[in-house]
Amino acid sequence: MNFLRILLAALVLSFSFNAVAAKTLTDDESVEFTEAIGKGNMKVIKKYMDAGVDVNVGYFAWPPLLMAAAKGQLEAVKYFASKGADLDY
């Protein structure tokens, strides 16, 4: 019984740490972030990344690296790769 309590406590703590690890964007922030990626606006991109946005989370079903690559934004692609973007998506 104690093992179950410990396991449950560990799971709850694990989820709570994961929940605060990455910033969740509002709809308006998602639009601003994705527009910045499409235009190669590194100032705005870095603002969101510094705030804790997860580089592998999809916005409008596209992860940032894929958005930048599709729009030909090489500097943004390199930046996302340097921040740990999944290159095998």
PDB file of N, CA and C in Angstrom:
ATOM      1  N   MET A   1       0.813  -1.187   0.000  1.00  0.00           N
ATOM      2  CA  MET A   1       0.000   0.000   0.000  1.00  0.00           C
ATOM      3  C   MET A   1       0.864   1.261   0.000  1.00  0.00           C
ATOM      4  N   ASN A   2       1.940   1.251   0.793  1.00  0.00           N
ATOM      5  CA  ASN A   2       2.831   2.405   0.817  1.00  0.00           C
ATOM      6  C   ASN A   2       3.496   2.616  -0.534  1.00  0.00           C
ATOM      7  N   PHE A   3       3.822   1.508  -1.185  1.00  0.00           N
ATOM      8  CA  PHE A   3       4.430   1.610  -2.510  1.00  0.00           C
ATOM      9  C   PHE A   3       3.506   2.338  -3.476  1.00  0.00           C
ATOM     10  N   LEU A   4       2.218   2.027  -3.425  1.00  0.00           N
ATOM     11  CA  LEU A   4       1.233   2.678  -4.289  1.00  0.00           C
ATOM     12  C   LEU A   4       1.146   4.168  -4.003  1.00  0.00           C
ATOM     13  N   ARG A   5       1.174   4.534  -2.743  1.00  0.00           N
ATOM     14  CA  ARG A   5       1.131   5.950  -2.371  1.00  0.00           C
ATOM     15  C   ARG A   5       2.360   6.688  -2.880  1.00  0.00           C
ATOM     16  N   ILE A   6       3.508   6.070  -2.725  1.00  0.00           N
ATOM     17  CA  ILE A   6       4.751   6.688  -3.195  1.00  0.00           C
ATOM     18  C   ILE A   6       4.728   6.822  -4.712  1.00  0.00           C
ATOM     19  N   LEU A   7       4.291   5.787  -5.388  1.00  0.00           N
ATOM     20  CA  LEU A   7       4.208   5.823  -6.848  1.00  0.00           C
ATOM     21  C   LEU A   7       3.246   6.907  -7.316  1.00  0.00           C
ATOM     22  N   LEU A   8       2.102   7.001  -6.693  1.00  0.00           N
ATOM     23  CA  LEU A   8       1.118   8.015  -7.050  1.00  0.00           C
ATOM     24  C   LEU A   8       1.662   9.418  -6.800  1.00  0.00           C
ATOM     25  N   ALA A   9       2.320   9.610  -5.677  1.00  0.00           N
ATOM     26  CA  ALA A   9       2.911  10.915  -5.363  1.00  0.00           C
ATOM     27  C   ALA A   9       3.976  11.287  -6.389  1.00  0.00           C
ATOM     28  N   ALA A  10       4.794  10.324  -6.778  1.00  0.00           N
ATOM     29  CA  ALA A  10       5.830  10.579  -7.781  1.00  0.00           C
ATOM     30  C   ALA A  10       5.216  10.964  -9.119  1.00  0.00           C
ATOM     31  N   LEU A  11       4.153  10.292  -9.506  1.00  0.00           N
ATOM     32  CA  LEU A  11       3.483  10.620 -10.766  1.00  0.00           C
ATOM     33  C   LEU A  11       2.884  12.020 -10.737  1.00  0.00           C
ATOM     34  N   VAL A  12       2.246  12.370  -9.642  1.00  0.00           N
ATOM     35  CA  VAL A  12       1.644  13.700  -9.517  1.00  0.00           C
ATOM     36  C   VAL A  12       2.717  14.771  -9.588  1.00  0.00           C
ATOM     37  N   LEU A  13       3.804  14.578  -8.873  1.00  0.00           N
ATOM     38  CA  LEU A  13       4.897  15.549  -8.908  1.00  0.00           C
ATOM     39  C   LEU A  13       5.512  15.639 -10.291  1.00  0.00           C
ATOM     40  N   SER A  14       5.660  14.520 -10.949  1.00  0.00           N
ATOM     41  CA  SER A  14       6.216  14.502 -12.302  1.00  0.00           C
ATOM     42  C   SER A  14       5.371  15.331 -13.252  1.00  0.00           C
ATOM     43  N   PHE A  15       4.065  15.148 -13.202  1.00  0.00           N
ATOM     44  CA  PHE A  15       3.180  15.909 -14.080  1.00  0.00           C
ATOM     45  C   PHE A  15       3.177  17.385 -13.730  1.00  0.00           C
ATOM     46  N   SER A  16       3.261  17.718 -12.460  1.00  0.00           N
ATOM     47  CA  SER A  16       3.239  19.128 -12.077  1.00  0.00           C
ATOM     48  C   SER A  16       4.502  19.829 -12.534  1.00  0.00           C
ATOM     49  N   PHE A  17       5.655  19.160 -12.481  1.00  0.00           N
ATOM     50  CA  PHE A  17       6.884  19.771 -12.966  1.00  0.00           C
ATOM     51  C   PHE A  17       6.853  19.936 -14.475  1.00  0.00           C
ATOM     52  N   ASN A  18       6.316  18.975 -15.184  1.00  0.00           N
ATOM     53  CA  ASN A  18       6.220  19.074 -16.636  1.00  0.00           C
ATOM     54  C   ASN A  18       5.267  20.175 -17.054  1.00  0.00           C
ATOM     55  N   ALA A  19       4.229  20.399 -16.288  1.00  0.00           N
ATOM     56  CA  ALA A  19       3.232  21.407 -16.638  1.00  0.00           C
ATOM     57  C   ALA A  19       3.800  22.810 -16.563  1.00  0.00           C
ATOM     58  N   VAL A  20       4.729  23.056 -15.652  1.00  0.00           N
ATOM     59  CA  VAL A  20       5.290  24.397 -15.532  1.00  0.00           C
ATOM     60  C   VAL A  20       6.570  24.551 -16.337  1.00  0.00           C
ATOM     61  N   ALA A  21       7.082  23.492 -16.905  1.00  0.00           N
ATOM     62  CA  ALA A  21       8.342  23.563 -17.622  1.00  0.00           C
ATOM     63  C   ALA A  21       8.218  24.330 -18.929  1.00  0.00           C
ATOM     64  N   ALA A  22       7.126  24.208 -19.629  1.00  0.00           N
ATOM     65  CA  ALA A  22       6.958  24.866 -20.922  1.00  0.00           C
ATOM     66  C   ALA A  22       5.834  25.894 -20.844  1.00  0.00           C
ATOM     67  N   LYS A  23       6.068  27.021 -21.489  1.00  0.00           N
ATOM     68  CA  LYS A  23       5.051  28.073 -21.520  1.00  0.00           C
ATOM     69  C   LYS A  23       3.952  27.682 -22.500  1.00  0.00           C
ATOM     70  N   THR A  24       2.716  27.841 -22.076  1.00  0.00           N
ATOM     71  CA  THR A  24       1.568  27.629 -22.947  1.00  0.00           C
ATOM     72  C   THR A  24       1.155  28.980 -23.509  1.00  0.00           C
ATOM     73  N   LEU A  25       1.032  29.064 -24.817  1.00  0.00           N
ATOM     74  CA  LEU A  25       0.689  30.327 -25.461  1.00  0.00           C
ATOM     75  C   LEU A  25      -0.816  30.508 -25.569  1.00  0.00           C
ATOM     76  N   THR A  26      -1.248  31.756 -25.431  1.00  0.00           N
ATOM     77  CA  THR A  26      -2.642  32.089 -25.713  1.00  0.00           C
ATOM     78  C   THR A  26      -2.824  32.065 -27.227  1.00  0.00           C
ATOM     79  N   ASP A  27      -4.051  32.181 -27.691  1.00  0.00           N
ATOM     80  CA  ASP A  27      -4.293  32.213 -29.137  1.00  0.00           C
ATOM     81  C   ASP A  27      -3.571  33.389 -29.787  1.00  0.00           C
ATOM     82  N   ASP A  28      -3.656  34.564 -29.170  1.00  0.00           N
ATOM     83  CA  ASP A  28      -2.989  35.747 -29.730  1.00  0.00           C
ATOM     84  C   ASP A  28      -1.477  35.584 -29.754  1.00  0.00           C
ATOM     85  N   GLU A  29      -0.924  34.998 -28.699  1.00  0.00           N
ATOM     86  CA  GLU A  29       0.518  34.759 -28.662  1.00  0.00           C
ATOM     87  C   GLU A  29       0.926  33.739 -29.719  1.00  0.00           C
ATOM     88  N   SER A  30       0.112  32.713 -29.917  1.00  0.00           N
ATOM     89  CA  SER A  30       0.407  31.713 -30.949  1.00  0.00           C
ATOM     90  C   SER A  30       0.448  32.348 -32.326  1.00  0.00           C
ATOM     91  N   VAL A  31      -0.495  33.247 -32.590  1.00  0.00           N
ATOM     92  CA  VAL A  31      -0.518  33.942 -33.882  1.00  0.00           C
ATOM     93  C   VAL A  31       0.723  34.807 -34.031  1.00  0.00           C
ATOM     94  N   GLU A  32       1.069  35.563 -32.986  1.00  0.00           N
ATOM     95  CA  GLU A  32       2.255  36.423 -33.056  1.00  0.00           C
ATOM     96  C   GLU A  32       3.521  35.592 -33.264  1.00  0.00           C
ATOM     97  N   PHE A  33       3.632  34.486 -32.538  1.00  0.00           N
ATOM     98  CA  PHE A  33       4.806  33.622 -32.643  1.00  0.00           C
ATOM     99  C   PHE A  33       4.917  33.006 -34.034  1.00  0.00           C
ATOM    100  N   THR A  34       3.829  32.476 -34.554  1.00  0.00           N
ATOM    101  CA  THR A  34       3.883  31.841 -35.874  1.00  0.00           C
ATOM    102  C   THR A  34       4.110  32.862 -36.986  1.00  0.00           C
ATOM    103  N   GLU A  35       3.550  34.061 -36.857  1.00  0.00           N
ATOM    104  CA  GLU A  35       3.817  35.105 -37.848  1.00  0.00           C
ATOM    105  C   GLU A  35       5.287  35.505 -37.818  1.00  0.00           C
ATOM    106  N   ALA A  36       5.852  35.587 -36.627  1.00  0.00           N
ATOM    107  CA  ALA A  36       7.273  35.918 -36.500  1.00  0.00           C
ATOM    108  C   ALA A  36       8.140  34.847 -37.153  1.00  0.00           C
ATOM    109  N   ILE A  37       7.762  33.593 -36.986  1.00  0.00           N
ATOM    110  CA  ILE A  37       8.519  32.505 -37.614  1.00  0.00           C
ATOM    111  C   ILE A  37       8.447  32.633 -39.132  1.00  0.00           C
ATOM    112  N   GLY A  38       7.259  32.864 -39.662  1.00  0.00           N
ATOM    113  CA  GLY A  38       7.083  32.981 -41.109  1.00  0.00           C
ATOM    114  C   GLY A  38       7.840  34.143 -41.720  1.00  0.00           C
ATOM    115  N   LYS A  39       8.002  35.219 -40.952  1.00  0.00           N
ATOM    116  CA  LYS A  39       8.698  36.413 -41.442  1.00  0.00           C
ATOM    117  C   LYS A  39      10.174  36.429 -41.056  1.00  0.00           C
ATOM    118  N   GLY A  40      10.576  35.479 -40.224  1.00  0.00           N
ATOM    119  CA  GLY A  40      11.967  35.445 -39.777  1.00  0.00           C
ATOM    120  C   GLY A  40      12.292  36.528 -38.766  1.00  0.00           C
ATOM    121  N   ASN A  41      11.309  36.961 -37.997  1.00  0.00           N
ATOM    122  CA  ASN A  41      11.497  38.011 -36.996  1.00  0.00           C
ATOM    123  C   ASN A  41      12.145  37.396 -35.752  1.00  0.00           C
ATOM    124  N   MET A  42      13.471  37.392 -35.741  1.00  0.00           N
ATOM    125  CA  MET A  42      14.210  36.715 -34.684  1.00  0.00           C
ATOM    126  C   MET A  42      14.004  37.354 -33.317  1.00  0.00           C
ATOM    127  N   LYS A  43      13.756  38.651 -33.277  1.00  0.00           N
ATOM    128  CA  LYS A  43      13.530  39.326 -31.993  1.00  0.00           C
ATOM    129  C   LYS A  43      12.302  38.732 -31.290  1.00  0.00           C
ATOM    130  N   VAL A  44      11.210  38.577 -32.026  1.00  0.00           N
ATOM    131  CA  VAL A  44       9.979  38.026 -31.446  1.00  0.00           C
ATOM    132  C   VAL A  44      10.150  36.535 -31.165  1.00  0.00           C
ATOM    133  N   ILE A  45      10.788  35.817 -32.073  1.00  0.00           N
ATOM    134  CA  ILE A  45      11.027  34.385 -31.868  1.00  0.00           C
ATOM    135  C   ILE A  45      11.802  34.165 -30.569  1.00  0.00           C
ATOM    136  N   LYS A  46      12.880  34.924 -30.388  1.00  0.00           N
ATOM    137  CA  LYS A  46      13.704  34.775 -29.185  1.00  0.00           C
ATOM    138  C   LYS A  46      12.939  35.185 -27.932  1.00  0.00           C
ATOM    139  N   LYS A  47      12.057  36.177 -28.053  1.00  0.00           N
ATOM    140  CA  LYS A  47      11.242  36.594 -26.905  1.00  0.00           C
ATOM    141  C   LYS A  47      10.421  35.413 -26.387  1.00  0.00           C
ATOM    142  N   TYR A  48       9.782  34.705 -27.299  1.00  0.00           N
ATOM    143  CA  TYR A  48       8.958  33.568 -26.887  1.00  0.00           C
ATOM    144  C   TYR A  48       9.803  32.384 -26.424  1.00  0.00           C
ATOM    145  N   MET A  49      10.902  32.134 -27.097  1.00  0.00           N
ATOM    146  CA  MET A  49      11.759  31.022 -26.684  1.00  0.00           C
ATOM    147  C   MET A  49      12.355  31.290 -25.305  1.00  0.00           C
ATOM    148  N   ASP A  50      12.763  32.534 -25.052  1.00  0.00           N
ATOM    149  CA  ASP A  50      13.303  32.891 -23.738  1.00  0.00           C
ATOM    150  C   ASP A  50      12.239  32.793 -22.646  1.00  0.00           C
ATOM    151  N   ALA A  51      10.979  32.953 -23.025  1.00  0.00           N
ATOM    152  CA  ALA A  51       9.872  32.851 -22.065  1.00  0.00           C
ATOM    153  C   ALA A  51       9.529  31.399 -21.738  1.00  0.00           C
ATOM    154  N   GLY A  52      10.121  30.453 -22.465  1.00  0.00           N
ATOM    155  CA  GLY A  52       9.918  29.045 -22.133  1.00  0.00           C
ATOM    156  C   GLY A  52       9.060  28.247 -23.087  1.00  0.00           C
ATOM    157  N   VAL A  53       8.860  28.739 -24.307  1.00  0.00           N
ATOM    158  CA  VAL A  53       8.092  27.978 -25.292  1.00  0.00           C
ATOM    159  C   VAL A  53       8.855  26.700 -25.645  1.00  0.00           C
ATOM    160  N   ASP A  54       8.147  25.592 -25.721  1.00  0.00           N
ATOM    161  CA  ASP A  54       8.743  24.307 -26.087  1.00  0.00           C
ATOM    162  C   ASP A  54       8.948  24.274 -27.594  1.00  0.00           C
ATOM    163  N   VAL A  55      10.182  24.097 -28.012  1.00  0.00           N
ATOM    164  CA  VAL A  55      10.531  24.144 -29.433  1.00  0.00           C
ATOM    165  C   VAL A  55       9.928  22.986 -30.227  1.00  0.00           C
ATOM    166  N   ASN A  56       9.438  21.965 -29.555  1.00  0.00           N
ATOM    167  CA  ASN A  56       8.877  20.812 -30.261  1.00  0.00           C
ATOM    168  C   ASN A  56       7.360  20.725 -30.198  1.00  0.00           C
ATOM    169  N   VAL A  57       6.720  21.725 -29.626  1.00  0.00           N
ATOM    170  CA  VAL A  57       5.255  21.755 -29.573  1.00  0.00           C
ATOM    171  C   VAL A  57       4.737  22.379 -30.856  1.00  0.00           C
ATOM    172  N   GLY A  58       3.724  21.763 -31.441  1.00  0.00           N
ATOM    173  CA  GLY A  58       3.149  22.283 -32.675  1.00  0.00           C
ATOM    174  C   GLY A  58       2.178  23.421 -32.423  1.00  0.00           C
ATOM    175  N   TYR A  59       2.249  24.417 -33.263  1.00  0.00           N
ATOM    176  CA  TYR A  59       1.306  25.534 -33.244  1.00  0.00           C
ATOM    177  C   TYR A  59       0.556  25.485 -34.562  1.00  0.00           C
ATOM    178  N   PHE A  60      -0.753  25.358 -34.483  1.00  0.00           N
ATOM    179  CA  PHE A  60      -1.574  25.157 -35.675  1.00  0.00           C
ATOM    180  C   PHE A  60      -1.079  23.920 -36.426  1.00  0.00           C
ATOM    181  N   ALA A  61      -0.692  22.898 -35.655  1.00  0.00           N
ATOM    182  CA  ALA A  61      -0.265  21.572 -36.121  1.00  0.00           C
ATOM    183  C   ALA A  61       1.144  21.536 -36.702  1.00  0.00           C
ATOM    184  N   TRP A  62       1.876  22.634 -36.662  1.00  0.00           N
ATOM    185  CA  TRP A  62       3.237  22.670 -37.194  1.00  0.00           C
ATOM    186  C   TRP A  62       4.219  23.032 -36.090  1.00  0.00           C
ATOM    187  N   PRO A  63       5.291  22.245 -35.907  1.00  0.00           N
ATOM    188  CA  PRO A  63       6.325  22.666 -34.964  1.00  0.00           C
ATOM    189  C   PRO A  63       7.107  23.847 -35.554  1.00  0.00           C
ATOM    190  N   PRO A  64       7.680  24.686 -34.715  1.00  0.00           N
ATOM    191  CA  PRO A  64       8.383  25.874 -35.201  1.00  0.00           C
ATOM    192  C   PRO A  64       9.451  25.593 -36.257  1.00  0.00           C
ATOM    193  N   LEU A  65      10.218  24.533 -36.082  1.00  0.00           N
ATOM    194  CA  LEU A  65      11.269  24.218 -37.055  1.00  0.00           C
ATOM    195  C   LEU A  65      10.685  23.981 -38.443  1.00  0.00           C
ATOM    196  N   LEU A  66       9.606  23.228 -38.516  1.00  0.00           N
ATOM    197  CA  LEU A  66       8.975  22.927 -39.801  1.00  0.00           C
ATOM    198  C   LEU A  66       8.376  24.182 -40.430  1.00  0.00           C
ATOM    199  N   MET A  67       7.777  25.048 -39.603  1.00  0.00           N
ATOM    200  CA  MET A  67       7.238  26.317 -40.121  1.00  0.00           C
ATOM    201  C   MET A  67       8.346  27.158 -40.735  1.00  0.00           C
ATOM    202  N   ALA A  68       9.449  27.286 -40.008  1.00  0.00           N
ATOM    203  CA  ALA A  68      10.561  28.101 -40.488  1.00  0.00           C
ATOM    204  C   ALA A  68      11.139  27.524 -41.779  1.00  0.00           C
ATOM    205  N   ALA A  69      11.285  26.215 -41.843  1.00  0.00           N
ATOM    206  CA  ALA A  69      11.822  25.577 -43.047  1.00  0.00           C
ATOM    207  C   ALA A  69      10.893  25.781 -44.241  1.00  0.00           C
ATOM    208  N   ALA A  70       9.589  25.655 -44.019  1.00  0.00           N
ATOM    209  CA  ALA A  70       8.616  25.822 -45.103  1.00  0.00           C
ATOM    210  C   ALA A  70       8.612  27.242 -45.652  1.00  0.00           C
ATOM    211  N   LYS A  71       8.945  28.207 -44.808  1.00  0.00           N
ATOM    212  CA  LYS A  71       8.967  29.614 -45.234  1.00  0.00           C
ATOM    213  C   LYS A  71      10.357  30.074 -45.660  1.00  0.00           C
ATOM    214  N   GLY A  72      11.330  29.167 -45.651  1.00  0.00           N
ATOM    215  CA  GLY A  72      12.674  29.511 -46.096  1.00  0.00           C
ATOM    216  C   GLY A  72      13.430  30.415 -45.133  1.00  0.00           C
ATOM    217  N   GLN A  73      13.110  30.330 -43.862  1.00  0.00           N
ATOM    218  CA  GLN A  73      13.756  31.173 -42.852  1.00  0.00           C
ATOM    219  C   GLN A  73      14.925  30.404 -42.226  1.00  0.00           C
ATOM    220  N   LEU A  74      16.066  30.430 -42.929  1.00  0.00           N
ATOM    221  CA  LEU A  74      17.221  29.629 -42.537  1.00  0.00           C
ATOM    222  C   LEU A  74      17.751  30.005 -41.154  1.00  0.00           C
ATOM    223  N   GLU A  75      17.799  31.291 -40.849  1.00  0.00           N
ATOM    224  CA  GLU A  75      18.297  31.707 -39.534  1.00  0.00           C
ATOM    225  C   GLU A  75      17.420  31.129 -38.419  1.00  0.00           C
ATOM    226  N   ALA A  76      16.117  31.161 -38.616  1.00  0.00           N
ATOM    227  CA  ALA A  76      15.196  30.608 -37.620  1.00  0.00           C
ATOM    228  C   ALA A  76      15.356  29.089 -37.528  1.00  0.00           C
ATOM    229  N   VAL A  77      15.544  28.423 -38.665  1.00  0.00           N
ATOM    230  CA  VAL A  77      15.758  26.968 -38.663  1.00  0.00           C
ATOM    231  C   VAL A  77      16.991  26.627 -37.829  1.00  0.00           C
ATOM    232  N   LYS A  78      18.084  27.333 -38.074  1.00  0.00           N
ATOM    233  CA  LYS A  78      19.316  27.088 -37.319  1.00  0.00           C
ATOM    234  C   LYS A  78      19.111  27.362 -35.827  1.00  0.00           C
ATOM    235  N   TYR A  79      18.379  28.424 -35.530  1.00  0.00           N
ATOM    236  CA  TYR A  79      18.120  28.781 -34.133  1.00  0.00           C
ATOM    237  C   TYR A  79      17.317  27.685 -33.433  1.00  0.00           C
ATOM    238  N   PHE A  80      16.240  27.231 -34.069  1.00  0.00           N
ATOM    239  CA  PHE A  80      15.419  26.176 -33.462  1.00  0.00           C
ATOM    240  C   PHE A  80      16.224  24.885 -33.296  1.00  0.00           C
ATOM    241  N   ALA A  81      17.062  24.569 -34.275  1.00  0.00           N
ATOM    242  CA  ALA A  81      17.908  23.376 -34.165  1.00  0.00           C
ATOM    243  C   ALA A  81      18.865  23.514 -32.982  1.00  0.00           C
ATOM    244  N   SER A  82      19.407  24.714 -32.787  1.00  0.00           N
ATOM    245  CA  SER A  82      20.326  24.936 -31.666  1.00  0.00           C
ATOM    246  C   SER A  82      19.616  24.855 -30.317  1.00  0.00           C
ATOM    247  N   LYS A  83      18.303  25.042 -30.320  1.00  0.00           N
ATOM    248  CA  LYS A  83      17.511  24.979 -29.091  1.00  0.00           C
ATOM    249  C   LYS A  83      16.927  23.591 -28.843  1.00  0.00           C
ATOM    250  N   GLY A  84      17.324  22.613 -29.663  1.00  0.00           N
ATOM    251  CA  GLY A  84      16.908  21.236 -29.419  1.00  0.00           C
ATOM    252  C   GLY A  84      15.688  20.775 -30.188  1.00  0.00           C
ATOM    253  N   ALA A  85      15.368  21.456 -31.284  1.00  0.00           N
ATOM    254  CA  ALA A  85      14.217  21.037 -32.088  1.00  0.00           C
ATOM    255  C   ALA A  85      14.432  19.627 -32.624  1.00  0.00           C
ATOM    256  N   ASP A  86      13.359  18.867 -32.694  1.00  0.00           N
ATOM    257  CA  ASP A  86      13.403  17.500 -33.208  1.00  0.00           C
ATOM    258  C   ASP A  86      13.626  17.554 -34.718  1.00  0.00           C
ATOM    259  N   LEU A  87      14.800  17.141 -35.155  1.00  0.00           N
ATOM    260  CA  LEU A  87      15.143  17.187 -36.578  1.00  0.00           C
ATOM    261  C   LEU A  87      14.565  16.012 -37.351  1.00  0.00           C
ATOM    262  N   ASP A  88      14.031  15.036 -36.657  1.00  0.00           N
ATOM    263  CA  ASP A  88      13.482  13.842 -37.299  1.00  0.00           C
ATOM    264  C   ASP A  88      11.964  13.845 -37.326  1.00  0.00           C
ATOM    265  N   TYR A  89      11.355  15.010 -37.266  1.00  0.00           N
ATOM    266  CA  TYR A  89       9.893  15.100 -37.227  1.00  0.00           C
ATOM    267  C   TYR A  89       9.298  14.557 -38.490  1.00  0.00           C
TER     268      TYR A  89
END
